[in-house]
Amino acid sequence: MKVLGIETSCDETAVAVVEDGLKVLASTVASQVPLHRAYGGIVPEVACRAHVAALLPALEAALKQAGISLKDVDAVAATNAPGLVGSLLVGLT
């Protein structure tokens, strides 16, 4: 079983593919550190918009790294709490 994992709870966009709960086939992370540095901390609206821009490229990269297509994914898991509401909604959507 291949599970696609999505993490967007705060300021990092992460996508992974795990097989049979044990083998990590892919793991990608898009960092937002440079975006928030100027503010001295995480700005929720900035984080949310950055997730929107980063999620599909991270998904495509993870699928490529795993050597599979979306049709090969058996289940999807996404962070639903705790986190920034807007950021969580991007990953869940």
Protein backbone atom coordinates (compact mmCIF):
# COMPACT_ATOMS: atom_id res chain seq x y z
CA MET A 1 0.00 0.00 0.00
CA LYS A 2 1.33 3.43 -0.97
CA VAL A 3 0.29 6.42 1.13
CA LEU A 4 0.79 10.02 0.07
CA GLY A 5 1.42 12.24 3.08
CA ILE A 6 0.88 16.01 3.05
CA GLU A 7 2.12 18.35 5.78
CA THR A 8 1.17 22.05 5.75
CA SER A 9 0.54 22.83 9.41
CA CYS A 10 2.82 25.85 9.68
CA ASP A 11 5.53 27.19 7.38
CA GLU A 12 6.93 24.15 5.58
CA THR A 13 5.21 22.37 2.70
CA ALA A 14 6.09 18.68 2.81
CA VAL A 15 4.95 15.73 0.72
CA ALA A 16 6.04 12.13 1.16
CA VAL A 17 5.21 8.73 -0.26
CA VAL A 18 5.43 5.76 2.10
CA GLU A 19 5.02 2.14 1.13
CA ASP A 20 3.53 -0.41 3.53
CA GLY A 21 4.04 1.95 6.46
CA LEU A 22 7.78 1.29 6.54
CA LYS A 23 9.56 2.32 3.36
CA VAL A 24 9.88 6.00 2.48
CA LEU A 25 9.82 6.19 -1.31
CA ALA A 26 9.98 9.99 -1.43
CA SER A 27 10.17 13.01 0.80
CA THR A 28 10.11 16.63 -0.35
CA VAL A 29 10.10 19.82 1.70
CA ALA A 30 9.62 23.39 0.49
CA SER A 31 10.95 25.82 3.08
CA GLN A 32 9.43 29.22 3.79
CA VAL A 33 12.21 30.43 6.07
CA PRO A 34 13.35 33.20 3.69
CA LEU A 35 9.78 34.50 3.32
CA HIS A 36 9.26 34.94 7.06
CA ARG A 37 12.75 36.12 8.03
CA ALA A 38 11.92 39.75 7.31
CA TYR A 39 9.02 39.62 9.78
CA GLY A 40 10.94 37.98 12.60
CA GLY A 41 8.42 35.15 12.75
CA ILE A 42 5.77 33.28 10.83
CA VAL A 43 2.99 35.34 9.28
CA PRO A 44 -0.06 33.08 8.86
CA GLU A 45 -1.38 34.72 5.67
CA VAL A 46 2.06 34.62 4.04
CA ALA A 47 2.44 30.94 5.03
CA CYS A 48 -0.96 30.04 3.59
CA ARG A 49 -0.25 31.69 0.24
CA ALA A 50 3.17 30.08 0.05
CA HIS A 51 1.61 26.63 0.60
CA VAL A 52 -0.76 27.28 -2.32
CA ALA A 53 2.24 28.00 -4.56
CA ALA A 54 4.45 25.16 -3.27
CA LEU A 55 2.09 22.23 -2.84
CA LEU A 56 1.66 21.05 -6.44
CA PRO A 57 5.38 21.32 -7.28
CA ALA A 58 6.20 19.40 -4.07
CA LEU A 59 3.59 16.76 -4.96
CA GLU A 60 4.97 16.37 -8.47
CA ALA A 61 8.53 16.11 -7.15
CA ALA A 62 7.57 13.47 -4.59
CA LEU A 63 5.74 11.35 -7.15
CA LYS A 64 8.69 11.61 -9.53
CA GLN A 65 11.14 10.72 -6.75
CA ALA A 66 9.01 7.71 -5.83
CA GLY A 67 8.75 6.65 -9.47
CA ILE A 68 4.96 6.48 -9.36
CA SER A 69 1.95 8.40 -10.61
CA LEU A 70 -1.03 9.64 -8.65
CA LYS A 71 -3.08 6.64 -9.82
CA ASP A 72 -0.63 4.37 -7.96
CA VAL A 73 -1.45 6.02 -4.60
CA ASP A 74 -3.75 3.94 -2.40
CA ALA A 75 -4.46 6.52 0.31
CA VAL A 76 -3.82 10.15 1.18
CA ALA A 77 -3.02 11.44 4.66
CA ALA A 78 -2.85 15.11 5.57
CA THR A 79 -2.19 17.00 8.77
CA ASN A 80 -5.45 18.37 10.20
CA ALA A 81 -4.27 19.71 13.59
CA PRO A 82 -2.60 21.43 15.28
CA GLY A 83 -1.52 24.27 13.06
CA LEU A 84 -2.36 27.50 11.30
CA VAL A 85 -5.92 27.25 10.00
CA GLY A 86 -5.22 28.65 6.54
CA SER A 87 -2.14 26.48 6.08
CA LEU A 88 -3.98 23.35 7.21
CA LEU A 89 -6.83 24.06 4.80
CA VAL A 90 -4.43 24.17 1.85
CA GLY A 91 -3.10 20.70 2.64
CA LEU A 92 -6.51 19.25 3.35
CA THR A 93 -7.97 20.68 0.17
